[in-house]
C-alpha atoms as a PDB file:
ATOM      1  CA  MET A   1       0.000   0.000   0.000  1.00  0.00           C
ATOM      2  CA  ILE A   2       1.378   3.399  -0.965  1.00  0.00           C
ATOM      3  CA  HIS A   3       0.244   6.712   0.448  1.00  0.00           C
ATOM      4  CA  LEU A   4      -0.252   9.678  -1.855  1.00  0.00           C
ATOM      5  CA  LYS A   5      -0.753  13.352  -1.108  1.00  0.00           C
ATOM      6  CA  GLU A   6      -2.511  13.950  -4.417  1.00  0.00           C
ATOM      7  CA  ALA A   7      -6.009  12.802  -5.364  1.00  0.00           C
ATOM      8  CA  LEU A   8      -6.415  10.174  -8.088  1.00  0.00           C
ATOM      9  CA  ILE A   9      -8.782  10.746 -11.009  1.00  0.00           C
ATOM     10  CA  VAL A  10      -9.935   7.570 -12.780  1.00  0.00           C
ATOM     11  CA  GLU A  11     -12.776   6.761 -15.158  1.00  0.00           C
ATOM     12  CA  GLY A  12     -15.001   4.212 -13.435  1.00  0.00           C
ATOM     13  CA  LYS A  13     -15.835   2.307 -10.274  1.00  0.00           C
ATOM     14  CA  TYR A  14     -13.845  -0.774 -11.276  1.00  0.00           C
ATOM     15  CA  ASP A  15     -10.756   1.385 -11.789  1.00  0.00           C
ATOM     16  CA  LYS A  16     -11.361   2.818  -8.318  1.00  0.00           C
ATOM     17  CA  ILE A  17     -11.648  -0.662  -6.815  1.00  0.00           C
ATOM     18  CA  LYS A  18      -8.373  -1.704  -8.471  1.00  0.00           C
ATOM     19  CA  LEU A  19      -6.491   1.394  -7.312  1.00  0.00           C
ATOM     20  CA  SER A  20      -7.896   1.062  -3.787  1.00  0.00           C
ATOM     21  CA  SER A  21      -5.895  -2.162  -3.438  1.00  0.00           C
ATOM     22  CA  ILE A  22      -2.704  -0.236  -4.214  1.00  0.00           C
ATOM     23  CA  THR A  23      -3.144   3.141  -2.519  1.00  0.00           C
ATOM     24  CA  ASP A  24      -5.268   4.753   0.185  1.00  0.00           C
ATOM     25  CA  ALA A  25      -5.405   8.037  -1.749  1.00  0.00           C
ATOM     26  CA  LEU A  26      -8.641   9.914  -2.336  1.00  0.00           C
ATOM     27  CA  ILE A  27      -9.969   8.475  -5.617  1.00  0.00           C
ATOM     28  CA  ILE A  28     -12.501  10.366  -7.742  1.00  0.00           C
ATOM     29  CA  THR A  29     -14.260   8.734 -10.707  1.00  0.00           C
ATOM     30  CA  THR A  30     -15.242  10.709 -13.795  1.00  0.00           C
ATOM     31  CA  ASP A  31     -18.033   8.213 -14.564  1.00  0.00           C
ATOM     32  CA  GLY A  32     -16.716   8.022 -18.105  1.00  0.00           C
ATOM     33  CA  PHE A  33     -17.804  11.106 -20.025  1.00  0.00           C
ATOM     34  CA  GLY A  34     -20.202  11.949 -17.184  1.00  0.00           C
ATOM     35  CA  VAL A  35     -17.762  14.527 -15.812  1.00  0.00           C
ATOM     36  CA  PHE A  36     -18.409  16.649 -18.912  1.00  0.00           C
ATOM     37  CA  LYS A  37     -21.873  17.503 -17.558  1.00  0.00           C
ATOM     38  CA  ASN A  38     -21.345  17.075 -13.807  1.00  0.00           C
ATOM     39  CA  LYS A  39     -20.549  20.588 -12.565  1.00  0.00           C
ATOM     40  CA  GLU A  40     -20.248  19.477  -8.953  1.00  0.00           C
ATOM     41  CA  LYS A  41     -17.658  16.821  -9.701  1.00  0.00           C
ATOM     42  CA  LEU A  42     -15.689  19.104 -12.010  1.00  0.00           C
ATOM     43  CA  ALA A  43     -15.651  21.807  -9.336  1.00  0.00           C
ATOM     44  CA  LEU A  44     -14.341  19.255  -6.835  1.00  0.00           C
ATOM     45  CA  ILE A  45     -11.552  18.170  -9.203  1.00  0.00           C
ATOM     46  CA  LYS A  46     -10.571  21.817  -9.766  1.00  0.00           C
ATOM     47  CA  SER A  47     -10.452  22.431  -6.029  1.00  0.00           C
ATOM     48  CA  LEU A  48      -8.391  19.316  -5.401  1.00  0.00           C
ATOM     49  CA  ALA A  49      -5.964  20.288  -8.174  1.00  0.00           C
ATOM     50  CA  GLU A  50      -5.423  23.719  -6.651  1.00  0.00           C
ATOM     51  CA  ASN A  51      -5.141  22.563  -3.029  1.00  0.00           C
ATOM     52  CA  ARG A  52      -3.292  19.243  -3.188  1.00  0.00           C
ATOM     53  CA  GLY A  53      -2.773  18.265  -6.832  1.00  0.00           C
ATOM     54  CA  VAL A  54      -4.460  15.554  -8.866  1.00  0.00           C
ATOM     55  CA  ILE A  55      -3.192  12.502 -10.704  1.00  0.00           C
ATOM     56  CA  ILE A  56      -5.003  11.698 -13.935  1.00  0.00           C
ATOM     57  CA  LEU A  57      -4.937   7.962 -14.610  1.00  0.00           C
ATOM     58  CA  THR A  58      -7.315   7.163 -17.446  1.00  0.00           C
ATOM     59  CA  ASP A  59      -7.367   4.298 -19.959  1.00  0.00           C
ATOM     60  CA  SER A  60      -4.945   4.335 -22.885  1.00  0.00           C
ATOM     61  CA  ASP A  61      -7.717   4.355 -25.505  1.00  0.00           C
ATOM     62  CA  SER A  62      -9.146   7.366 -27.341  1.00  0.00           C
ATOM     63  CA  ALA A  63     -11.926   7.861 -24.772  1.00  0.00           C
ATOM     64  CA  GLY A  64      -9.390   7.924 -21.957  1.00  0.00           C
ATOM     65  CA  PHE A  65      -7.299  10.567 -23.709  1.00  0.00           C
ATOM     66  CA  LYS A  66     -10.397  12.655 -24.404  1.00  0.00           C
ATOM     67  CA  ILE A  67     -11.331  12.636 -20.711  1.00  0.00           C
ATOM     68  CA  ARG A  68      -7.738  13.411 -19.705  1.00  0.00           C
ATOM     69  CA  SER A  69      -7.584  16.343 -22.117  1.00  0.00           C
ATOM     70  CA  TYR A  70     -10.889  17.734 -20.870  1.00  0.00           C
ATOM     71  CA  ILE A  71      -9.805  17.668 -17.217  1.00  0.00           C
ATOM     72  CA  LYS A  72      -6.455  19.263 -18.047  1.00  0.00           C
ATOM     73  CA  GLY A  73      -8.216  22.032 -19.940  1.00  0.00           C
ATOM     74  CA  CYS A  74     -10.526  22.739 -17.011  1.00  0.00           C
ATOM     75  CA  THR A  75      -7.844  22.818 -14.305  1.00  0.00           C
ATOM     76  CA  GLN A  76      -5.405  25.411 -15.584  1.00  0.00           C
ATOM     77  CA  LYS A  77      -4.589  26.783 -12.108  1.00  0.00           C
ATOM     78  CA  GLY A  78      -3.998  23.448 -10.421  1.00  0.00           C
ATOM     79  CA  LYS A  79      -1.168  20.946 -10.210  1.00  0.00           C
ATOM     80  CA  ILE A  80      -1.715  17.970 -12.517  1.00  0.00           C
ATOM     81  CA  TYR A  81       0.285  14.775 -12.805  1.00  0.00           C
ATOM     82  CA  ASN A  82      -0.341  12.665 -15.886  1.00  0.00           C
ATOM     83  CA  VAL A  83       0.170   8.967 -15.304  1.00  0.00           C
ATOM     84  CA  TYR A  84      -0.148   6.681 -18.309  1.00  0.00           C
ATOM     85  CA  ILE A  85      -0.705   2.958 -18.506  1.00  0.00           C
ATOM     86  CA  PRO A  86       0.943   0.874 -21.249  1.00  0.00           C
ATOM     87  CA  GLU A  87      -1.032  -0.308 -24.236  1.00  0.00           C
ATOM     88  CA  ILE A  88      -1.738  -3.917 -23.378  1.00  0.00           C
ATOM     89  CA  PHE A  89      -4.216  -5.754 -25.552  1.00  0.00           C
ATOM     90  CA  GLY A  90      -6.579  -8.134 -23.868  1.00  0.00           C
ATOM     91  CA  LYS A  91      -9.872  -8.455 -22.003  1.00  0.00           C
ATOM     92  CA  GLU A  92     -10.784  -7.766 -18.388  1.00  0.00           C
ATOM     93  CA  LYS A  93     -11.998 -10.869 -16.539  1.00  0.00           C
ATOM     94  CA  ARG A  94     -15.431  -9.435 -15.794  1.00  0.00           C
ATOM     95  CA  LYS A  95     -16.121  -8.630 -19.460  1.00  0.00           C
ATOM     96  CA  SER A  96     -17.433 -11.041 -22.052  1.00  0.00           C
ATOM     97  CA  GLU A  97     -15.433  -9.417 -24.851  1.00  0.00           C
ATOM     98  CA  PRO A  98     -12.607  -6.891 -25.283  1.00  0.00           C
ATOM     99  CA  SER A  99     -13.199  -3.150 -25.475  1.00  0.00           C
ATOM    100  CA  LYS A 100     -13.754  -1.467 -28.838  1.00  0.00           C
ATOM    101  CA  GLU A 101     -10.022  -0.804 -29.274  1.00  0.00           C
ATOM    102  CA  GLY A 102      -9.022  -4.114 -27.665  1.00  0.00           C
ATOM    103  CA  LYS A 103      -6.867  -2.490 -24.962  1.00  0.00           C
ATOM    104  CA  LEU A 104      -6.920  -3.223 -21.265  1.00  0.00           C
ATOM    105  CA  GLY A 105      -8.238  -0.401 -19.127  1.00  0.00           C
ATOM    106  CA  VAL A 106      -6.812   0.648 -15.771  1.00  0.00           C
ATOM    107  CA  GLU A 107      -8.755  -2.101 -13.997  1.00  0.00           C
ATOM    108  CA  GLY A 108      -7.069  -4.763 -16.120  1.00  0.00           C
ATOM    109  CA  ILE A 109      -3.469  -3.595 -15.701  1.00  0.00           C
ATOM    110  CA  PRO A 110      -1.361  -5.615 -13.222  1.00  0.00           C
ATOM    111  CA  SER A 111      -1.008  -3.940  -9.837  1.00  0.00           C
ATOM    112  CA  ASP A 112       2.790  -3.814  -9.907  1.00  0.00           C
ATOM    113  CA  ILE A 113       2.717  -1.885 -13.217  1.00  0.00           C
ATOM    114  CA  LEU A 114       0.228   0.624 -11.815  1.00  0.00           C
ATOM    115  CA  LYS A 115       2.235   1.067  -8.628  1.00  0.00           C
ATOM    116  CA  ASN A 116       5.484   1.644 -10.532  1.00  0.00           C
ATOM    117  CA  ALA A 117       3.770   4.117 -12.859  1.00  0.00           C
ATOM    118  CA  LEU A 118       2.572   6.139  -9.867  1.00  0.00           C
ATOM    119  CA  ILE A 119       5.923   6.107  -8.089  1.00  0.00           C
ATOM    120  CA  LYS A 120       7.845   7.154 -11.212  1.00  0.00           C
ATOM    121  CA  SER A 121       5.463   9.990 -12.119  1.00  0.00           C
ATOM    122  CA  GLY A 122       6.841  12.490  -9.631  1.00  0.00           C
ATOM    123  CA  VAL A 123       3.842  12.483  -7.305  1.00  0.00           C
ATOM    124  CA  THR A 124       4.267  12.743  -3.530  1.00  0.00           C
ATOM    125  CA  VAL A 125       4.597   9.125  -2.416  1.00  0.00           C
ATOM    126  CA  PHE A 126       4.890   8.010   1.198  1.00  0.00           C
ATOM    127  CA  GLU A 127       5.844   4.357   1.480  1.00  0.00           C
ATOM    128  CA  ASN A 128       4.499   4.136   5.018  1.00  0.00           C
ATOM    129  CA  ALA A 129       1.713   5.871   6.852  1.00  0.00           C
ATOM    130  CA  SER A 130       4.024   7.390   9.477  1.00  0.00           C
ATOM    131  CA  ALA A 131       5.691   9.500   6.784  1.00  0.00           C
ATOM    132  CA  GLU A 132       2.471  11.506   6.551  1.00  0.00           C
ATOM    133  CA  LYS A 133      -0.187  12.200   9.111  1.00  0.00           C
ATOM    134  CA  GLU A 134      -2.594   9.360   8.428  1.00  0.00           C
ATOM    135  CA  LYS A 135      -6.264  10.241   8.656  1.00  0.00           C
ATOM    136  CA  SER A 136      -8.915   7.628   9.311  1.00  0.00           C
ATOM    137  CA  ASP A 137     -12.545   8.237   8.369  1.00  0.00           C
ATOM    138  CA  TRP A 138     -14.049  10.362  11.120  1.00  0.00           C
ATOM    139  CA  ALA A 139     -16.734  12.396   9.348  1.00  0.00           C
ATOM    140  CA  ASP A 140     -20.168  11.086   8.391  1.00  0.00           C
ATOM    141  CA  LYS A 141     -23.743  12.365   8.032  1.00  0.00           C
ATOM    142  CA  ILE A 142     -24.208  12.298  11.795  1.00  0.00           C
ATOM    143  CA  THR A 143     -21.217  14.643  12.127  1.00  0.00           C
ATOM    144  CA  LEU A 144     -22.749  17.097   9.672  1.00  0.00           C
ATOM    145  CA  TYR A 145     -26.196  16.820  11.275  1.00  0.00           C
ATOM    146  CA  ASP A 146     -24.919  17.367  14.816  1.00  0.00           C
ATOM    147  CA  ASP A 147     -23.100  20.511  13.683  1.00  0.00           C
ATOM    148  CA  GLY A 148     -26.083  21.828  11.742  1.00  0.00           C
ATOM    149  CA  PHE A 149     -24.813  21.385   8.193  1.00  0.00           C
ATOM    150  CA  ILE A 150     -27.628  19.057   7.093  1.00  0.00           C
ATOM    151  CA  GLY A 151     -31.189  18.372   8.214  1.00  0.00           C
ATOM    152  CA  LYS A 152     -31.930  21.757   9.787  1.00  0.00           C
ATOM    153  CA  ASP A 153     -33.675  24.925   8.662  1.00  0.00           C
ATOM    154  CA  ASN A 154     -30.497  26.928   8.060  1.00  0.00           C
ATOM    155  CA  SER A 155     -28.295  23.977   7.052  1.00  0.00           C
ATOM    156  CA  GLU A 156     -27.760  24.993   3.430  1.00  0.00           C
ATOM    157  CA  GLY A 157     -26.514  28.463   4.300  1.00  0.00           C
ATOM    158  CA  LYS A 158     -24.346  27.169   7.110  1.00  0.00           C
ATOM    159  CA  ARG A 159     -22.879  24.457   4.877  1.00  0.00           C
ATOM    160  CA  LYS A 160     -21.961  27.071   2.265  1.00  0.00           C
ATOM    161  CA  LYS A 161     -20.095  29.011   4.961  1.00  0.00           C
ATOM    162  CA  LEU A 162     -18.135  25.867   5.811  1.00  0.00           C
ATOM    163  CA  LEU A 163     -17.307  25.217   2.155  1.00  0.00           C
ATOM    164  CA  LYS A 164     -16.114  28.799   1.715  1.00  0.00           C
ATOM    165  CA  LEU A 165     -14.005  28.664   4.875  1.00  0.00           C
ATOM    166  CA  LEU A 166     -12.380  25.396   3.770  1.00  0.00           C
ATOM    167  CA  LYS A 167     -11.911  26.772   0.229  1.00  0.00           C
ATOM    168  CA  LEU A 168     -14.101  24.069  -1.289  1.00  0.00           C
ATOM    169  CA  PRO A 169     -16.591  24.416  -4.192  1.00  0.00           C
ATOM    170  CA  SER A 170     -19.983  25.841  -3.201  1.00  0.00           C
ATOM    171  CA  LEU A 171     -21.671  23.160  -5.344  1.00  0.00           C
ATOM    172  CA  LEU A 172     -20.275  20.294  -3.259  1.00  0.00           C
ATOM    173  CA  SER A 173     -22.982  17.920  -2.017  1.00  0.00           C
ATOM    174  CA  SER A 174     -23.068  16.685   1.574  1.00  0.00           C
ATOM    175  CA  ASN A 175     -21.858  13.217   0.481  1.00  0.00           C
ATOM    176  CA  SER A 176     -18.904  14.695  -1.393  1.00  0.00           C
ATOM    177  CA  LEU A 177     -18.156  16.978   1.558  1.00  0.00           C
ATOM    178  CA  ILE A 178     -17.908  13.959   3.858  1.00  0.00           C
ATOM    179  CA  GLU A 179     -15.499  12.252   1.451  1.00  0.00           C
ATOM    180  CA  VAL A 180     -13.307  15.357   1.195  1.00  0.00           C
ATOM    181  CA  LEU A 181     -13.318  15.993   4.958  1.00  0.00           C
ATOM    182  CA  ASN A 182     -12.080  12.469   5.614  1.00  0.00           C
ATOM    183  CA  ALA A 183      -9.371  12.748   2.960  1.00  0.00           C
ATOM    184  CA  MET A 184      -8.139  16.316   3.380  1.00  0.00           C
ATOM    185  CA  TYR A 185      -8.842  17.503   6.908  1.00  0.00           C
ATOM    186  CA  THR A 186      -8.308  16.403  10.489  1.00  0.00           C
ATOM    187  CA  PRO A 187     -11.088  16.489  13.095  1.00  0.00           C
ATOM    188  CA  ASP A 188      -9.314  19.418  14.779  1.00  0.00           C
ATOM    189  CA  GLU A 189      -9.244  21.430  11.550  1.00  0.00           C
ATOM    190  CA  TYR A 190     -12.939  20.766  11.070  1.00  0.00           C
ATOM    191  CA  LYS A 191     -13.809  21.673  14.659  1.00  0.00           C
ATOM    192  CA  LYS A 192     -11.893  24.934  14.324  1.00  0.00           C
ATOM    193  CA  ALA A 193     -13.913  25.824  11.218  1.00  0.00           C
ATOM    194  CA  VAL A 194     -17.176  24.924  12.958  1.00  0.00           C
ATOM    195  CA  SER A 195     -16.216  27.059  15.954  1.00  0.00           C
ATOM    196  CA  LEU A 196     -15.496  30.062  13.736  1.00  0.00           C
ATOM    197  CA  ILE A 197     -18.858  29.716  11.992  1.00  0.00           C
ATOM    198  CA  ASN A 198     -20.762  29.342  15.280  1.00  0.00           C
ATOM    199  CA  THR A 199     -18.980  32.348  16.777  1.00  0.00           C
ATOM    200  CA  GLU A 200     -19.815  34.418  13.713  1.00  0.00           C
ATOM    201  CA  GLU A 201     -23.478  33.410  13.834  1.00  0.00           C
ATOM    202  CA  LYS A 202     -23.787  34.195  17.552  1.00  0.00           C
ATOM    203  CA  ALA A 203     -22.390  37.675  16.893  1.00  0.00           C
ATOM    204  CA  ILE A 204     -25.168  38.478  14.398  1.00  0.00           C
ATOM    205  CA  PRO A 205     -28.115  40.187  16.159  1.00  0.00           C
ATOM    206  CA  LYS A 206     -31.391  38.254  15.827  1.00  0.00           C
ATOM    207  CA  GLY A 207     -34.630  39.893  14.759  1.00  0.00           C
END
């Protein structure tokens, strides 16, 4: 298992499953060409690129290069690492027949090849968790509810304040916020942000 500072951008859920066996990095799927129309996901990728960097690891076929090019064009201000997989012809085990171009996608590439490609790309690799402050999942919907960011009358406005304070996209959904909190922030950093928001709201006269 390797530990990465940057977020990984892959095409689909099976790519994510494959990469999750190699790294504990935050992995975002484009859902194929779905990212072209998903403003929330694109905003998240832009934010990740600007704040921690992103690694684009798409298939080596024409669709993969089209998705890669689109993301690069939309993240001009961020740090992008392009990681490429070799052109290996074959068929993934779960599929009944090869892809249109006959090439293996990320999910079909051997793990050692993927790992070496990541390490050699220049990304920030930590070979053990102690080299970087490891964060376990601590945020969930209960966390957001207890702090008033979902399920309450003023939750939407309060959540937008949190997103702005953490320099995250205003379009981020509560589910995506939970994923980003677990990957990018510590509980103490979150609590500090919550405290600032609560203090600000208490200072505003009511009525």
